[in-house]
Amino acid sequence: MHMKTASTIIPIAKNTISISAIISVMIFSGATLAIGQSFSCSRAQIPSEYAICNSENLIVLDERMAALFADKRVGADNTSAVNEISKDQGNWLKKRNECEQNFKCLEQQYKSRIQKLGTS
């Protein structure tokens, strides 16, 4: 099968599965998407991000929090709920960033956020 555009013919493979179809199956089956960190260490710009990138423990906590946050957003019932979850995450990020390079403070912020995302 081919799809014709302005002056180009683009081949479309038969029997392909869309990414959205795969994600839908994962969501409805209860699978958790592998998210990774909430930010890229190669783009760290502030003290808290540098501290996180230099601590294996904080990286693991950040990955767990990112996965729970993504699950909450995907599971939200409507746009209002997504906005509320995002606003809450933004408020938490401000608190996390106030820790700067204090590893104990960062660890506590992550554990608190993970608990909240896991139970709400």
C-alpha atoms as a PDB file:
ATOM      1  CA  MET A   1       0.000   0.000   0.000  1.00  0.00           C
ATOM      2  CA  HIS A   2       1.249   3.514  -0.724  1.00  0.00           C
ATOM      3  CA  MET A   3       0.106   6.884   0.453  1.00  0.00           C
ATOM      4  CA  LYS A   4       0.417   9.715  -2.021  1.00  0.00           C
ATOM      5  CA  THR A   5       1.362  13.140  -0.787  1.00  0.00           C
ATOM      6  CA  ALA A   6       2.056  16.322  -2.737  1.00  0.00           C
ATOM      7  CA  SER A   7       4.796  14.914  -4.963  1.00  0.00           C
ATOM      8  CA  THR A   8       6.106  11.992  -2.955  1.00  0.00           C
ATOM      9  CA  ILE A   9       4.898   8.444  -2.626  1.00  0.00           C
ATOM     10  CA  ILE A  10       5.487   7.096   0.848  1.00  0.00           C
ATOM     11  CA  PRO A  11       5.378   3.307   1.258  1.00  0.00           C
ATOM     12  CA  ILE A  12       3.239   2.125   4.163  1.00  0.00           C
ATOM     13  CA  ALA A  13       3.960  -1.335   5.430  1.00  0.00           C
ATOM     14  CA  LYS A  14       1.140  -3.781   5.889  1.00  0.00           C
ATOM     15  CA  ASN A  15       0.734  -5.485   9.246  1.00  0.00           C
ATOM     16  CA  THR A  16       2.307  -2.699  11.292  1.00  0.00           C
ATOM     17  CA  ILE A  17       1.255  -1.926  14.836  1.00  0.00           C
ATOM     18  CA  SER A  18       1.130   1.675  15.966  1.00  0.00           C
ATOM     19  CA  ILE A  19       2.905   2.851  19.089  1.00  0.00           C
ATOM     20  CA  SER A  20      -0.400   4.160  20.429  1.00  0.00           C
ATOM     21  CA  ALA A  21      -1.919   0.685  20.071  1.00  0.00           C
ATOM     22  CA  ILE A  22       0.937  -0.837  22.060  1.00  0.00           C
ATOM     23  CA  ILE A  23       0.654   1.811  24.782  1.00  0.00           C
ATOM     24  CA  SER A  24      -3.122   1.303  24.951  1.00  0.00           C
ATOM     25  CA  VAL A  25      -2.659  -2.430  25.489  1.00  0.00           C
ATOM     26  CA  MET A  26      -0.080  -1.749  28.200  1.00  0.00           C
ATOM     27  CA  ILE A  27      -2.335   0.724  29.981  1.00  0.00           C
ATOM     28  CA  PHE A  28      -5.388  -1.522  29.913  1.00  0.00           C
ATOM     29  CA  SER A  29      -3.345  -4.524  31.039  1.00  0.00           C
ATOM     30  CA  GLY A  30      -1.962  -2.581  34.018  1.00  0.00           C
ATOM     31  CA  ALA A  31       1.628  -2.515  32.765  1.00  0.00           C
ATOM     32  CA  THR A  32       3.860   0.356  33.850  1.00  0.00           C
ATOM     33  CA  LEU A  33       5.782   2.193  31.170  1.00  0.00           C
ATOM     34  CA  ALA A  34       9.538   2.354  31.625  1.00  0.00           C
ATOM     35  CA  ILE A  35      10.053   6.067  31.996  1.00  0.00           C
ATOM     36  CA  GLY A  36      13.605   6.637  33.214  1.00  0.00           C
ATOM     37  CA  GLN A  37      14.664   9.821  34.932  1.00  0.00           C
ATOM     38  CA  SER A  38      12.440  12.882  35.054  1.00  0.00           C
ATOM     39  CA  PHE A  39      15.202  14.918  33.394  1.00  0.00           C
ATOM     40  CA  SER A  40      18.407  14.288  31.458  1.00  0.00           C
ATOM     41  CA  CYS A  41      21.633  14.535  33.452  1.00  0.00           C
ATOM     42  CA  SER A  42      23.352  15.860  30.334  1.00  0.00           C
ATOM     43  CA  ARG A  43      21.031  18.882  30.647  1.00  0.00           C
ATOM     44  CA  ALA A  44      21.328  19.396  34.412  1.00  0.00           C
ATOM     45  CA  GLN A  45      21.350  23.130  35.159  1.00  0.00           C
ATOM     46  CA  ILE A  46      20.654  23.633  38.846  1.00  0.00           C
ATOM     47  CA  PRO A  47      22.333  22.369  42.052  1.00  0.00           C
ATOM     48  CA  SER A  48      19.598  19.843  42.880  1.00  0.00           C
ATOM     49  CA  GLU A  49      19.837  18.259  39.418  1.00  0.00           C
ATOM     50  CA  TYR A  50      23.640  17.980  39.689  1.00  0.00           C
ATOM     51  CA  ALA A  51      23.279  16.352  43.102  1.00  0.00           C
ATOM     52  CA  ILE A  52      20.710  13.857  41.779  1.00  0.00           C
ATOM     53  CA  CYS A  53      22.949  12.966  38.825  1.00  0.00           C
ATOM     54  CA  ASN A  54      25.854  12.305  41.193  1.00  0.00           C
ATOM     55  CA  SER A  55      23.938   9.908  43.430  1.00  0.00           C
ATOM     56  CA  GLU A  56      22.872   6.465  42.292  1.00  0.00           C
ATOM     57  CA  ASN A  57      20.315   6.365  45.119  1.00  0.00           C
ATOM     58  CA  LEU A  58      18.735   9.669  44.047  1.00  0.00           C
ATOM     59  CA  ILE A  59      18.680   8.576  40.399  1.00  0.00           C
ATOM     60  CA  VAL A  60      16.745   5.449  41.398  1.00  0.00           C
ATOM     61  CA  LEU A  61      14.318   7.534  43.466  1.00  0.00           C
ATOM     62  CA  ASP A  62      13.899  10.003  40.586  1.00  0.00           C
ATOM     63  CA  GLU A  63      13.131   7.170  38.150  1.00  0.00           C
ATOM     64  CA  ARG A  64      10.543   5.700  40.540  1.00  0.00           C
ATOM     65  CA  MET A  65       8.908   9.088  41.073  1.00  0.00           C
ATOM     66  CA  ALA A  66       8.874   9.761  37.297  1.00  0.00           C
ATOM     67  CA  ALA A  67       7.143   6.421  36.636  1.00  0.00           C
ATOM     68  CA  LEU A  68       4.502   7.048  39.310  1.00  0.00           C
ATOM     69  CA  PHE A  69       3.923  10.587  38.036  1.00  0.00           C
ATOM     70  CA  ALA A  70       3.505   9.309  34.466  1.00  0.00           C
ATOM     71  CA  ASP A  71       1.065   6.635  35.674  1.00  0.00           C
ATOM     72  CA  LYS A  72      -0.988   9.298  37.496  1.00  0.00           C
ATOM     73  CA  ARG A  73      -1.152  11.514  34.413  1.00  0.00           C
ATOM     74  CA  VAL A  74      -2.107   8.622  32.128  1.00  0.00           C
ATOM     75  CA  GLY A  75      -4.743   7.451  34.591  1.00  0.00           C
ATOM     76  CA  ALA A  76      -6.306  10.895  35.054  1.00  0.00           C
ATOM     77  CA  ASP A  77      -9.997  11.052  34.182  1.00  0.00           C
ATOM     78  CA  ASN A  78      -9.997  14.439  32.478  1.00  0.00           C
ATOM     79  CA  THR A  79      -7.995  17.527  31.568  1.00  0.00           C
ATOM     80  CA  SER A  80      -8.748  19.160  34.894  1.00  0.00           C
ATOM     81  CA  ALA A  81      -7.277  16.180  36.759  1.00  0.00           C
ATOM     82  CA  VAL A  82      -4.155  16.225  34.550  1.00  0.00           C
ATOM     83  CA  ASN A  83      -3.743  19.943  35.232  1.00  0.00           C
ATOM     84  CA  GLU A  84      -4.081  19.406  38.978  1.00  0.00           C
ATOM     85  CA  ILE A  85      -1.515  16.578  38.954  1.00  0.00           C
ATOM     86  CA  SER A  86       0.885  18.746  36.927  1.00  0.00           C
ATOM     87  CA  LYS A  87       0.400  21.734  39.232  1.00  0.00           C
ATOM     88  CA  ASP A  88       1.073  19.549  42.265  1.00  0.00           C
ATOM     89  CA  GLN A  89       4.233  18.211  40.593  1.00  0.00           C
ATOM     90  CA  GLY A  90       5.412  21.754  39.872  1.00  0.00           C
ATOM     91  CA  ASN A  91       4.929  22.706  43.525  1.00  0.00           C
ATOM     92  CA  TRP A  92       6.860  19.627  44.599  1.00  0.00           C
ATOM     93  CA  LEU A  93       9.706  20.439  42.178  1.00  0.00           C
ATOM     94  CA  LYS A  94      10.077  23.859  43.825  1.00  0.00           C
ATOM     95  CA  LYS A  95      10.454  22.162  47.215  1.00  0.00           C
ATOM     96  CA  ARG A  96      12.884  19.606  45.799  1.00  0.00           C
ATOM     97  CA  ASN A  97      14.999  22.311  44.193  1.00  0.00           C
ATOM     98  CA  GLU A  98      15.202  24.216  47.496  1.00  0.00           C
ATOM     99  CA  CYS A  99      17.291  21.292  48.772  1.00  0.00           C
ATOM    100  CA  GLU A 100      20.018  22.310  46.328  1.00  0.00           C
ATOM    101  CA  GLN A 101      22.844  19.782  46.943  1.00  0.00           C
ATOM    102  CA  ASN A 102      21.669  18.491  50.312  1.00  0.00           C
ATOM    103  CA  PHE A 103      21.422  14.745  49.637  1.00  0.00           C
ATOM    104  CA  LYS A 104      19.399  13.976  52.790  1.00  0.00           C
ATOM    105  CA  CYS A 105      16.898  16.704  51.954  1.00  0.00           C
ATOM    106  CA  LEU A 106      16.599  15.476  48.346  1.00  0.00           C
ATOM    107  CA  GLU A 107      16.141  11.883  49.484  1.00  0.00           C
ATOM    108  CA  GLN A 108      13.397  12.926  51.911  1.00  0.00           C
ATOM    109  CA  GLN A 109      11.627  14.976  49.232  1.00  0.00           C
ATOM    110  CA  TYR A 110      11.664  12.019  46.832  1.00  0.00           C
ATOM    111  CA  LYS A 111      10.458   9.524  49.419  1.00  0.00           C
ATOM    112  CA  SER A 112       7.635  11.855  50.404  1.00  0.00           C
ATOM    113  CA  ARG A 113       6.610  12.436  46.783  1.00  0.00           C
ATOM    114  CA  ILE A 114       6.771   8.732  45.940  1.00  0.00           C
ATOM    115  CA  GLN A 115       4.547   7.954  48.920  1.00  0.00           C
ATOM    116  CA  LYS A 116       2.047  10.620  47.894  1.00  0.00           C
ATOM    117  CA  LEU A 117       1.939   9.530  44.244  1.00  0.00           C
ATOM    118  CA  GLY A 118       1.668   5.881  45.259  1.00  0.00           C
ATOM    119  CA  THR A 119      -1.277   6.388  47.581  1.00  0.00           C
ATOM    120  CA  SER A 120      -3.305   9.181  45.996  1.00  0.00           C
END
